[in-house]
PDB file of N, CA and C in Angstrom:
ATOM      1  N   UNK A   1     -11.177  -5.263 -20.262  1.00  0.00           N
ATOM      2  CA  UNK A   1     -12.363  -5.486 -19.570  1.00  0.00           C
ATOM      3  C   UNK A   1     -13.086  -6.487 -21.068  1.00  0.00           C
ATOM      4  N   UNK A   2     -13.222  -7.389 -20.830  1.00  0.00           N
ATOM      5  CA  UNK A   2     -13.708  -8.422 -21.914  1.00  0.00           C
ATOM      6  C   UNK A   2     -15.589  -8.380 -21.869  1.00  0.00           C
ATOM      7  N   UNK A   3     -16.084  -8.119 -22.953  1.00  0.00           N
ATOM      8  CA  UNK A   3     -17.586  -8.195 -22.913  1.00  0.00           C
ATOM      9  C   UNK A   3     -17.777  -9.574 -22.927  1.00  0.00           C
ATOM     10  N   UNK A   4     -19.028  -9.966 -22.149  1.00  0.00           N
ATOM     11  CA  UNK A   4     -19.591 -11.313 -22.214  1.00  0.00           C
ATOM     12  C   UNK A   4     -20.785 -11.290 -23.335  1.00  0.00           C
ATOM     13  N   UNK A   5     -21.125 -12.547 -23.730  1.00  0.00           N
ATOM     14  CA  UNK A   5     -22.312 -12.601 -24.723  1.00  0.00           C
ATOM     15  C   UNK A   5     -23.557 -11.857 -24.492  1.00  0.00           C
ATOM     16  N   UNK A   6     -23.953 -11.818 -23.366  1.00  0.00           N
ATOM     17  CA  UNK A   6     -25.269 -11.063 -22.837  1.00  0.00           C
ATOM     18  C   UNK A   6     -25.006  -9.541 -23.077  1.00  0.00           C
ATOM     19  N   UNK A   7     -23.569  -9.017 -22.430  1.00  0.00           N
ATOM     20  CA  UNK A   7     -23.359  -7.603 -22.861  1.00  0.00           C
ATOM     21  C   UNK A   7     -23.472  -7.256 -24.294  1.00  0.00           C
ATOM     22  N   UNK A   8     -22.750  -8.212 -25.024  1.00  0.00           N
ATOM     23  CA  UNK A   8     -22.730  -7.895 -26.634  1.00  0.00           C
ATOM     24  C   UNK A   8     -24.340  -7.651 -27.177  1.00  0.00           C
ATOM     25  N   UNK A   9     -24.802  -8.773 -26.738  1.00  0.00           N
ATOM     26  CA  UNK A   9     -26.242  -8.772 -27.172  1.00  0.00           C
ATOM     27  C   UNK A   9     -26.925  -7.467 -26.935  1.00  0.00           C
ATOM     28  N   UNK A  10     -26.776  -6.950 -25.634  1.00  0.00           N
ATOM     29  CA  UNK A  10     -27.276  -5.665 -24.978  1.00  0.00           C
ATOM     30  C   UNK A  10     -26.927  -4.420 -25.825  1.00  0.00           C
ATOM     31  N   UNK A  11     -25.777  -4.335 -26.424  1.00  0.00           N
ATOM     32  CA  UNK A  11     -25.058  -3.410 -27.031  1.00  0.00           C
ATOM     33  C   UNK A  11     -25.659  -3.162 -28.602  1.00  0.00           C
ATOM     34  N   UNK A  12     -25.615  -4.521 -28.966  1.00  0.00           N
ATOM     35  CA  UNK A  12     -25.949  -4.320 -30.616  1.00  0.00           C
ATOM     36  C   UNK A  12     -26.999  -3.660 -31.074  1.00  0.00           C
ATOM     37  N   UNK A  13     -28.196  -3.603 -30.300  1.00  0.00           N
ATOM     38  CA  UNK A  13     -29.507  -2.660 -30.926  1.00  0.00           C
ATOM     39  C   UNK A  13     -28.725  -1.264 -30.645  1.00  0.00           C
ATOM     40  N   UNK A  14     -27.716  -0.657 -29.758  1.00  0.00           N
ATOM     41  CA  UNK A  14     -27.524   0.452 -29.894  1.00  0.00           C
ATOM     42  C   UNK A  14     -26.546   0.833 -30.779  1.00  0.00           C
ATOM     43  N   UNK A  15     -25.778  -0.095 -31.408  1.00  0.00           N
ATOM     44  CA  UNK A  15     -24.841   0.227 -32.573  1.00  0.00           C
ATOM     45  C   UNK A  15     -25.797   0.206 -33.931  1.00  0.00           C
ATOM     46  N   UNK A  16     -26.841  -0.297 -33.893  1.00  0.00           N
ATOM     47  CA  UNK A  16     -27.406  -0.403 -35.453  1.00  0.00           C
ATOM     48  C   UNK A  16     -27.669   0.923 -36.107  1.00  0.00           C
ATOM     49  N   UNK A  17     -27.949   2.068 -35.319  1.00  0.00           N
ATOM     50  CA  UNK A  17     -28.235   3.472 -35.926  1.00  0.00           C
ATOM     51  C   UNK A  17     -27.008   4.020 -36.072  1.00  0.00           C
ATOM     52  N   UNK A  18     -25.880   3.887 -35.650  1.00  0.00           N
ATOM     53  CA  UNK A  18     -24.457   4.576 -35.892  1.00  0.00           C
ATOM     54  C   UNK A  18     -24.260   4.546 -36.998  1.00  0.00           C
ATOM     55  N   UNK A  19     -23.497   5.508 -37.487  1.00  0.00           N
ATOM     56  CA  UNK A  19     -22.676   5.610 -38.873  1.00  0.00           C
ATOM     57  C   UNK A  19     -21.340   5.415 -38.444  1.00  0.00           C
ATOM     58  N   UNK A  20     -20.250   4.812 -39.333  1.00  0.00           N
ATOM     59  CA  UNK A  20     -19.104   4.579 -39.180  1.00  0.00           C
ATOM     60  C   UNK A  20     -18.463   6.148 -39.030  1.00  0.00           C
ATOM     61  N   UNK A  21     -17.662   6.260 -38.132  1.00  0.00           N
ATOM     62  CA  UNK A  21     -16.986   7.562 -37.499  1.00  0.00           C
ATOM     63  C   UNK A  21     -15.485   7.285 -38.216  1.00  0.00           C
ATOM     64  N   UNK A  22     -14.813   6.289 -38.292  1.00  0.00           N
ATOM     65  CA  UNK A  22     -13.546   5.973 -39.054  1.00  0.00           C
ATOM     66  C   UNK A  22     -13.673   5.259 -40.096  1.00  0.00           C
ATOM     67  N   UNK A  23     -13.011   5.770 -41.346  1.00  0.00           N
ATOM     68  CA  UNK A  23     -12.868   4.929 -42.574  1.00  0.00           C
ATOM     69  C   UNK A  23     -11.400   4.720 -42.612  1.00  0.00           C
ATOM     70  N   UNK A  24     -11.227   3.071 -42.771  1.00  0.00           N
ATOM     71  CA  UNK A  24      -9.769   2.931 -43.100  1.00  0.00           C
ATOM     72  C   UNK A  24      -9.566   2.657 -44.572  1.00  0.00           C
ATOM     73  N   UNK A  25      -9.036   3.306 -45.506  1.00  0.00           N
ATOM     74  CA  UNK A  25      -8.913   3.155 -46.665  1.00  0.00           C
ATOM     75  C   UNK A  25      -7.639   2.701 -47.493  1.00  0.00           C
ATOM     76  N   UNK A  26      -7.021   3.222 -48.302  1.00  0.00           N
ATOM     77  CA  UNK A  26      -5.746   2.478 -49.294  1.00  0.00           C
ATOM     78  C   UNK A  26      -4.779   2.168 -48.272  1.00  0.00           C
ATOM     79  N   UNK A  27      -4.434   3.485 -47.735  1.00  0.00           N
ATOM     80  CA  UNK A  27      -3.188   3.472 -46.694  1.00  0.00           C
ATOM     81  C   UNK A  27      -2.979   2.487 -45.421  1.00  0.00           C
ATOM     82  N   UNK A  28      -4.291   2.041 -45.194  1.00  0.00           N
ATOM     83  CA  UNK A  28      -4.406   1.001 -44.188  1.00  0.00           C
ATOM     84  C   UNK A  28      -4.378   1.479 -42.774  1.00  0.00           C
ATOM     85  N   UNK A  29      -3.946   0.757 -41.743  1.00  0.00           N
ATOM     86  CA  UNK A  29      -3.941   1.077 -40.786  1.00  0.00           C
ATOM     87  C   UNK A  29      -2.710   1.809 -40.072  1.00  0.00           C
ATOM     88  N   UNK A  30      -2.914   3.331 -40.255  1.00  0.00           N
ATOM     89  CA  UNK A  30      -1.569   4.172 -39.762  1.00  0.00           C
ATOM     90  C   UNK A  30      -1.847   4.714 -38.614  1.00  0.00           C
ATOM     91  N   UNK A  31      -0.603   5.111 -38.133  1.00  0.00           N
ATOM     92  CA  UNK A  31      -0.641   5.579 -36.557  1.00  0.00           C
ATOM     93  C   UNK A  31      -1.716   6.834 -36.447  1.00  0.00           C
ATOM     94  N   UNK A  32      -1.925   7.668 -37.523  1.00  0.00           N
ATOM     95  CA  UNK A  32      -2.823   8.743 -37.489  1.00  0.00           C
ATOM     96  C   UNK A  32      -4.475   8.165 -37.234  1.00  0.00           C
ATOM     97  N   UNK A  33      -4.505   7.112 -38.109  1.00  0.00           N
ATOM     98  CA  UNK A  33      -5.831   6.435 -37.947  1.00  0.00           C
ATOM     99  C   UNK A  33      -6.188   5.780 -36.590  1.00  0.00           C
ATOM    100  N   UNK A  34      -4.803   5.324 -36.157  1.00  0.00           N
ATOM    101  CA  UNK A  34      -5.244   4.666 -34.660  1.00  0.00           C
ATOM    102  C   UNK A  34      -5.511   5.701 -33.659  1.00  0.00           C
ATOM    103  N   UNK A  35      -4.597   6.979 -33.919  1.00  0.00           N
ATOM    104  CA  UNK A  35      -5.151   8.058 -32.933  1.00  0.00           C
ATOM    105  C   UNK A  35      -6.622   8.486 -33.036  1.00  0.00           C
ATOM    106  N   UNK A  36      -6.813   8.497 -34.267  1.00  0.00           N
ATOM    107  CA  UNK A  36      -8.388   8.938 -34.303  1.00  0.00           C
ATOM    108  C   UNK A  36      -9.434   8.038 -33.824  1.00  0.00           C
ATOM    109  N   UNK A  37      -9.074   6.645 -33.841  1.00  0.00           N
ATOM    110  CA  UNK A  37      -9.818   5.648 -33.088  1.00  0.00           C
ATOM    111  C   UNK A  37      -9.873   6.058 -31.726  1.00  0.00           C
ATOM    112  N   UNK A  38      -8.874   6.289 -31.348  1.00  0.00           N
ATOM    113  CA  UNK A  38      -8.690   6.422 -29.728  1.00  0.00           C
ATOM    114  C   UNK A  38      -9.337   7.591 -29.314  1.00  0.00           C
ATOM    115  N   UNK A  39      -9.434   8.614 -30.014  1.00  0.00           N
ATOM    116  CA  UNK A  39     -10.172   9.679 -29.643  1.00  0.00           C
ATOM    117  C   UNK A  39     -11.734   9.516 -29.673  1.00  0.00           C
ATOM    118  N   UNK A  40     -12.318   8.923 -30.974  1.00  0.00           N
ATOM    119  CA  UNK A  40     -13.637   8.653 -31.176  1.00  0.00           C
ATOM    120  C   UNK A  40     -14.005   7.544 -29.855  1.00  0.00           C
ATOM    121  N   UNK A  41     -13.073   6.627 -29.391  1.00  0.00           N
ATOM    122  CA  UNK A  41     -13.549   5.658 -28.414  1.00  0.00           C
ATOM    123  C   UNK A  41     -13.590   6.463 -26.911  1.00  0.00           C
ATOM    124  N   UNK A  42     -12.825   7.424 -26.718  1.00  0.00           N
ATOM    125  CA  UNK A  42     -13.019   8.061 -25.649  1.00  0.00           C
ATOM    126  C   UNK A  42     -14.005   9.156 -25.757  1.00  0.00           C
ATOM    127  N   UNK A  43     -14.330   9.792 -26.631  1.00  0.00           N
ATOM    128  CA  UNK A  43     -15.416  10.549 -26.666  1.00  0.00           C
ATOM    129  C   UNK A  43     -16.878   9.838 -26.723  1.00  0.00           C
ATOM    130  N   UNK A  44     -17.021   8.680 -27.570  1.00  0.00           N
ATOM    131  CA  UNK A  44     -18.340   7.999 -27.657  1.00  0.00           C
ATOM    132  C   UNK A  44     -18.417   6.774 -26.970  1.00  0.00           C
ATOM    133  N   UNK A  45     -17.269   5.946 -26.609  1.00  0.00           N
ATOM    134  CA  UNK A  45     -17.259   4.680 -25.993  1.00  0.00           C
ATOM    135  C   UNK A  45     -17.666   3.555 -27.122  1.00  0.00           C
ATOM    136  N   UNK A  46     -18.531   3.925 -28.110  1.00  0.00           N
ATOM    137  CA  UNK A  46     -19.264   2.747 -28.708  1.00  0.00           C
ATOM    138  C   UNK A  46     -19.214   3.552 -29.882  1.00  0.00           C
ATOM    139  N   UNK A  47     -18.278   2.836 -31.059  1.00  0.00           N
ATOM    140  CA  UNK A  47     -18.387   3.518 -32.524  1.00  0.00           C
ATOM    141  C   UNK A  47     -18.223   2.179 -33.387  1.00  0.00           C
ATOM    142  N   UNK A  48     -18.539   3.070 -34.770  1.00  0.00           N
ATOM    143  CA  UNK A  48     -18.429   1.817 -35.865  1.00  0.00           C
ATOM    144  C   UNK A  48     -16.955   2.229 -36.804  1.00  0.00           C
ATOM    145  N   UNK A  49     -16.393   1.465 -37.268  1.00  0.00           N
ATOM    146  CA  UNK A  49     -15.223   1.405 -38.109  1.00  0.00           C
ATOM    147  C   UNK A  49     -15.493   1.310 -39.388  1.00  0.00           C
ATOM    148  N   UNK A  50     -15.176   1.551 -40.593  1.00  0.00           N
ATOM    149  CA  UNK A  50     -15.261   0.954 -41.870  1.00  0.00           C
ATOM    150  C   UNK A  50     -14.039   0.419 -42.191  1.00  0.00           C
ATOM    151  N   UNK A  51     -13.755  -0.852 -42.747  1.00  0.00           N
ATOM    152  CA  UNK A  51     -12.454  -1.287 -43.084  1.00  0.00           C
ATOM    153  C   UNK A  51     -12.345  -1.525 -44.679  1.00  0.00           C
ATOM    154  N   UNK A  52     -11.913  -0.607 -45.545  1.00  0.00           N
ATOM    155  CA  UNK A  52     -12.140  -0.849 -46.868  1.00  0.00           C
ATOM    156  C   UNK A  52     -10.734  -1.855 -47.279  1.00  0.00           C
ATOM    157  N   UNK A  53     -10.546  -2.854 -46.907  1.00  0.00           N
ATOM    158  CA  UNK A  53      -9.294  -3.989 -46.949  1.00  0.00           C
ATOM    159  C   UNK A  53      -9.799  -4.880 -48.362  1.00  0.00           C
ATOM    160  N   UNK A  54      -8.776  -5.291 -48.808  1.00  0.00           N
ATOM    161  CA  UNK A  54      -9.207  -6.350 -50.050  1.00  0.00           C
ATOM    162  C   UNK A  54      -9.825  -7.539 -49.800  1.00  0.00           C
ATOM    163  N   UNK A  55      -9.614  -8.192 -49.019  1.00  0.00           N
ATOM    164  CA  UNK A  55     -10.382  -9.396 -48.691  1.00  0.00           C
ATOM    165  C   UNK A  55     -10.674  -9.705 -47.001  1.00  0.00           C
ATOM    166  N   UNK A  56     -11.410 -10.563 -46.657  1.00  0.00           N
ATOM    167  CA  UNK A  56     -11.814 -11.180 -45.370  1.00  0.00           C
ATOM    168  C   UNK A  56     -10.589 -11.103 -44.386  1.00  0.00           C
ATOM    169  N   UNK A  57      -9.623 -11.841 -44.763  1.00  0.00           N
ATOM    170  CA  UNK A  57      -8.452 -11.986 -43.845  1.00  0.00           C
ATOM    171  C   UNK A  57      -7.810 -10.624 -43.644  1.00  0.00           C
ATOM    172  N   UNK A  58      -7.805  -9.838 -44.740  1.00  0.00           N
ATOM    173  CA  UNK A  58      -6.951  -8.469 -44.161  1.00  0.00           C
ATOM    174  C   UNK A  58      -7.877  -7.825 -43.285  1.00  0.00           C
ATOM    175  N   UNK A  59      -9.199  -7.789 -43.532  1.00  0.00           N
ATOM    176  CA  UNK A  59     -10.008  -6.865 -42.765  1.00  0.00           C
ATOM    177  C   UNK A  59     -10.072  -7.722 -41.277  1.00  0.00           C
ATOM    178  N   UNK A  60     -10.004  -8.860 -41.316  1.00  0.00           N
ATOM    179  CA  UNK A  60     -10.032  -9.455 -39.803  1.00  0.00           C
ATOM    180  C   UNK A  60      -8.701  -9.072 -38.937  1.00  0.00           C
ATOM    181  N   UNK A  61      -7.454  -8.993 -39.855  1.00  0.00           N
ATOM    182  CA  UNK A  61      -6.365  -8.725 -39.093  1.00  0.00           C
ATOM    183  C   UNK A  61      -6.283  -7.043 -38.662  1.00  0.00           C
ATOM    184  N   UNK A  62      -6.704  -6.508 -39.570  1.00  0.00           N
ATOM    185  CA  UNK A  62      -6.909  -4.934 -39.238  1.00  0.00           C
ATOM    186  C   UNK A  62      -7.777  -4.653 -37.890  1.00  0.00           C
ATOM    187  N   UNK A  63      -8.980  -5.224 -38.068  1.00  0.00           N
ATOM    188  CA  UNK A  63      -9.913  -4.979 -36.851  1.00  0.00           C
ATOM    189  C   UNK A  63      -9.179  -5.763 -35.418  1.00  0.00           C
ATOM    190  N   UNK A  64      -8.560  -6.924 -35.600  1.00  0.00           N
ATOM    191  CA  UNK A  64      -8.156  -7.392 -34.593  1.00  0.00           C
ATOM    192  C   UNK A  64      -6.557  -6.499 -33.990  1.00  0.00           C
ATOM    193  N   UNK A  65      -6.081  -5.804 -35.079  1.00  0.00           N
ATOM    194  CA  UNK A  65      -4.809  -5.138 -34.510  1.00  0.00           C
ATOM    195  C   UNK A  65      -5.666  -3.727 -33.776  1.00  0.00           C
ATOM    196  N   UNK A  66      -6.764  -3.237 -34.192  1.00  0.00           N
ATOM    197  CA  UNK A  66      -7.291  -2.076 -33.602  1.00  0.00           C
ATOM    198  C   UNK A  66      -7.574  -2.437 -32.198  1.00  0.00           C
ATOM    199  N   UNK A  67      -8.317  -3.650 -32.093  1.00  0.00           N
ATOM    200  CA  UNK A  67      -8.625  -3.953 -30.632  1.00  0.00           C
ATOM    201  C   UNK A  67      -7.415  -4.172 -29.594  1.00  0.00           C
ATOM    202  N   UNK A  68      -6.573  -4.719 -30.220  1.00  0.00           N
ATOM    203  CA  UNK A  68      -5.139  -4.874 -29.469  1.00  0.00           C
ATOM    204  C   UNK A  68      -4.871  -3.632 -29.229  1.00  0.00           C
ATOM    205  N   UNK A  69      -4.579  -2.667 -30.299  1.00  0.00           N
ATOM    206  CA  UNK A  69      -3.820  -1.655 -29.695  1.00  0.00           C
ATOM    207  C   UNK A  69      -4.806  -0.576 -28.933  1.00  0.00           C
ATOM    208  N   UNK A  70      -6.023  -0.700 -28.995  1.00  0.00           N
ATOM    209  CA  UNK A  70      -6.691   0.548 -28.364  1.00  0.00           C
ATOM    210  C   UNK A  70      -7.257  -0.201 -26.994  1.00  0.00           C
ATOM    211  N   UNK A  71      -7.342  -1.556 -27.081  1.00  0.00           N
ATOM    212  CA  UNK A  71      -7.887  -2.107 -25.857  1.00  0.00           C
ATOM    213  C   UNK A  71      -9.492  -2.153 -25.760  1.00  0.00           C
ATOM    214  N   UNK A  72      -9.867  -1.766 -27.090  1.00  0.00           N
ATOM    215  CA  UNK A  72     -11.417  -1.878 -27.342  1.00  0.00           C
ATOM    216  C   UNK A  72     -11.931  -3.236 -27.584  1.00  0.00           C
ATOM    217  N   UNK A  73     -13.250  -3.488 -27.299  1.00  0.00           N
ATOM    218  CA  UNK A  73     -13.842  -4.921 -27.730  1.00  0.00           C
ATOM    219  C   UNK A  73     -14.738  -5.039 -28.757  1.00  0.00           C
ATOM    220  N   UNK A  74     -14.367  -5.955 -29.397  1.00  0.00           N
ATOM    221  CA  UNK A  74     -15.174  -6.120 -30.821  1.00  0.00           C
ATOM    222  C   UNK A  74     -16.836  -6.574 -30.445  1.00  0.00           C
ATOM    223  N   UNK A  75     -17.537  -5.601 -30.834  1.00  0.00           N
ATOM    224  CA  UNK A  75     -19.087  -6.142 -30.544  1.00  0.00           C
ATOM    225  C   UNK A  75     -19.666  -7.032 -31.409  1.00  0.00           C
ATOM    226  N   UNK A  76     -19.339  -6.332 -32.479  1.00  0.00           N
ATOM    227  CA  UNK A  76     -19.965  -7.117 -34.037  1.00  0.00           C
ATOM    228  C   UNK A  76     -19.442  -6.677 -35.066  1.00  0.00           C
ATOM    229  N   UNK A  77     -19.239  -7.633 -35.947  1.00  0.00           N
ATOM    230  CA  UNK A  77     -18.779  -7.366 -37.542  1.00  0.00           C
ATOM    231  C   UNK A  77     -19.554  -7.599 -38.448  1.00  0.00           C
ATOM    232  N   UNK A  78     -19.839  -6.884 -39.392  1.00  0.00           N
ATOM    233  CA  UNK A  78     -20.946  -7.142 -40.436  1.00  0.00           C
ATOM    234  C   UNK A  78     -20.173  -6.647 -41.965  1.00  0.00           C
ATOM    235  N   UNK A  79     -19.740  -7.567 -42.460  1.00  0.00           N
ATOM    236  CA  UNK A  79     -19.030  -6.940 -43.754  1.00  0.00           C
ATOM    237  C   UNK A  79     -17.744  -6.432 -43.485  1.00  0.00           C
ATOM    238  N   UNK A  80     -17.668  -5.003 -43.960  1.00  0.00           N
ATOM    239  CA  UNK A  80     -16.606  -4.370 -44.013  1.00  0.00           C
ATOM    240  C   UNK A  80     -16.702  -3.290 -42.714  1.00  0.00           C
ATOM    241  N   UNK A  81     -17.880  -3.550 -41.791  1.00  0.00           N
ATOM    242  CA  UNK A  81     -18.053  -2.470 -40.804  1.00  0.00           C
ATOM    243  C   UNK A  81     -17.726  -3.438 -39.414  1.00  0.00           C
ATOM    244  N   UNK A  82     -17.199  -2.866 -38.457  1.00  0.00           N
ATOM    245  CA  UNK A  82     -17.035  -3.230 -37.158  1.00  0.00           C
ATOM    246  C   UNK A  82     -17.340  -2.471 -36.276  1.00  0.00           C
ATOM    247  N   UNK A  83     -18.075  -2.980 -35.059  1.00  0.00           N
ATOM    248  CA  UNK A  83     -18.803  -1.991 -33.917  1.00  0.00           C
ATOM    249  C   UNK A  83     -17.482  -2.397 -32.853  1.00  0.00           C
ATOM    250  N   UNK A  84     -17.195  -1.415 -32.481  1.00  0.00           N
ATOM    251  CA  UNK A  84     -15.965  -1.492 -31.054  1.00  0.00           C
ATOM    252  C   UNK A  84     -16.440  -0.800 -29.717  1.00  0.00           C
ATOM    253  N   UNK A  85     -16.327  -1.270 -28.728  1.00  0.00           N
ATOM    254  CA  UNK A  85     -16.839  -0.586 -27.689  1.00  0.00           C
ATOM    255  C   UNK A  85     -15.554  -0.452 -26.631  1.00  0.00           C
ATOM    256  N   UNK A  86     -15.313   0.609 -25.797  1.00  0.00           N
ATOM    257  CA  UNK A  86     -14.442   0.644 -24.697  1.00  0.00           C
ATOM    258  C   UNK A  86     -15.012   1.574 -23.782  1.00  0.00           C
ATOM    259  N   UNK A  87     -14.859   1.085 -22.619  1.00  0.00           N
ATOM    260  CA  UNK A  87     -15.380   1.883 -21.284  1.00  0.00           C
ATOM    261  C   UNK A  87     -14.583   3.014 -21.057  1.00  0.00           C
ATOM    262  N   UNK A  88     -15.299   4.233 -20.931  1.00  0.00           N
ATOM    263  CA  UNK A  88     -14.399   5.348 -20.420  1.00  0.00           C
ATOM    264  C   UNK A  88     -15.043   5.929 -19.182  1.00  0.00           C
ATOM    265  N   UNK A  89     -14.307   5.714 -17.963  1.00  0.00           N
ATOM    266  CA  UNK A  89     -14.870   5.908 -16.749  1.00  0.00           C
ATOM    267  C   UNK A  89     -14.997   7.514 -16.419  1.00  0.00           C
ATOM    268  N   UNK A  90     -14.306   8.283 -17.315  1.00  0.00           N
ATOM    269  CA  UNK A  90     -14.338   9.799 -17.203  1.00  0.00           C
ATOM    270  C   UNK A  90     -15.373  10.422 -17.919  1.00  0.00           C
ATOM    271  N   UNK A  91     -16.303   9.695 -18.665  1.00  0.00           N
ATOM    272  CA  UNK A  91     -17.300  10.353 -19.497  1.00  0.00           C
ATOM    273  C   UNK A  91     -18.384  10.613 -18.816  1.00  0.00           C
ATOM    274  N   UNK A  92     -18.887  11.793 -18.903  1.00  0.00           N
ATOM    275  CA  UNK A  92     -20.287  12.033 -18.101  1.00  0.00           C
ATOM    276  C   UNK A  92     -21.196  11.176 -17.821  1.00  0.00           C
ATOM    277  N   UNK A  93     -21.775  10.775 -19.137  1.00  0.00           N
ATOM    278  CA  UNK A  93     -22.924   9.640 -19.253  1.00  0.00           C
ATOM    279  C   UNK A  93     -22.234   8.220 -19.849  1.00  0.00           C
ATOM    280  N   UNK A  94     -21.520   7.650 -18.821  1.00  0.00           N
ATOM    281  CA  UNK A  94     -21.014   6.510 -19.458  1.00  0.00           C
ATOM    282  C   UNK A  94     -22.238   5.422 -19.997  1.00  0.00           C
ATOM    283  N   UNK A  95     -21.939   4.367 -20.949  1.00  0.00           N
ATOM    284  CA  UNK A  95     -22.699   3.296 -21.147  1.00  0.00           C
ATOM    285  C   UNK A  95     -22.764   2.532 -20.262  1.00  0.00           C
ATOM    286  N   UNK A  96     -23.904   2.078 -19.294  1.00  0.00           N
ATOM    287  CA  UNK A  96     -24.183   1.162 -18.244  1.00  0.00           C
ATOM    288  C   UNK A  96     -24.460  -0.072 -18.665  1.00  0.00           C
ATOM    289  N   UNK A  97     -23.662  -1.131 -18.801  1.00  0.00           N
ATOM    290  CA  UNK A  97     -23.588  -2.393 -19.148  1.00  0.00           C
ATOM    291  C   UNK A  97     -24.590  -3.151 -18.077  1.00  0.00           C
ATOM    292  N   UNK A  98     -25.277  -4.322 -18.697  1.00  0.00           N
ATOM    293  CA  UNK A  98     -25.933  -5.265 -17.547  1.00  0.00           C
ATOM    294  C   UNK A  98     -24.889  -6.061 -16.935  1.00  0.00           C
ATOM    295  N   UNK A  99     -25.196  -6.325 -15.738  1.00  0.00           N
ATOM    296  CA  UNK A  99     -23.855  -7.247 -15.090  1.00  0.00           C
ATOM    297  C   UNK A  99     -23.905  -8.805 -15.524  1.00  0.00           C
ATOM    298  N   UNK A 100     -22.851  -9.366 -15.327  1.00  0.00           N
ATOM    299  CA  UNK A 100     -22.581 -10.576 -15.705  1.00  0.00           C
ATOM    300  C   UNK A 100     -23.668 -11.558 -15.661  1.00  0.00           C
TER     301      UNK A 100
END
């Protein structure tokens, strides 16, 4: 599922108060970090990830790989922090997005 611009605008205020739940450090994007991101997305649907990579291209590559591997949508990115969303139909109170 790809988020529309309208849906991204609707989600952004909900992301603002969140703290990053996963930090990617010196070791980079490992399988265990990806597994932790998967668990966080299953539990929360909407998370922030902090990528402490050297330059912008490395951060973009890491965020792109996270989205590709987890099936999450990039809601926004500010500096080192990316907000990700992935719908979980099994969640008790899922986030209800506005229609297209």
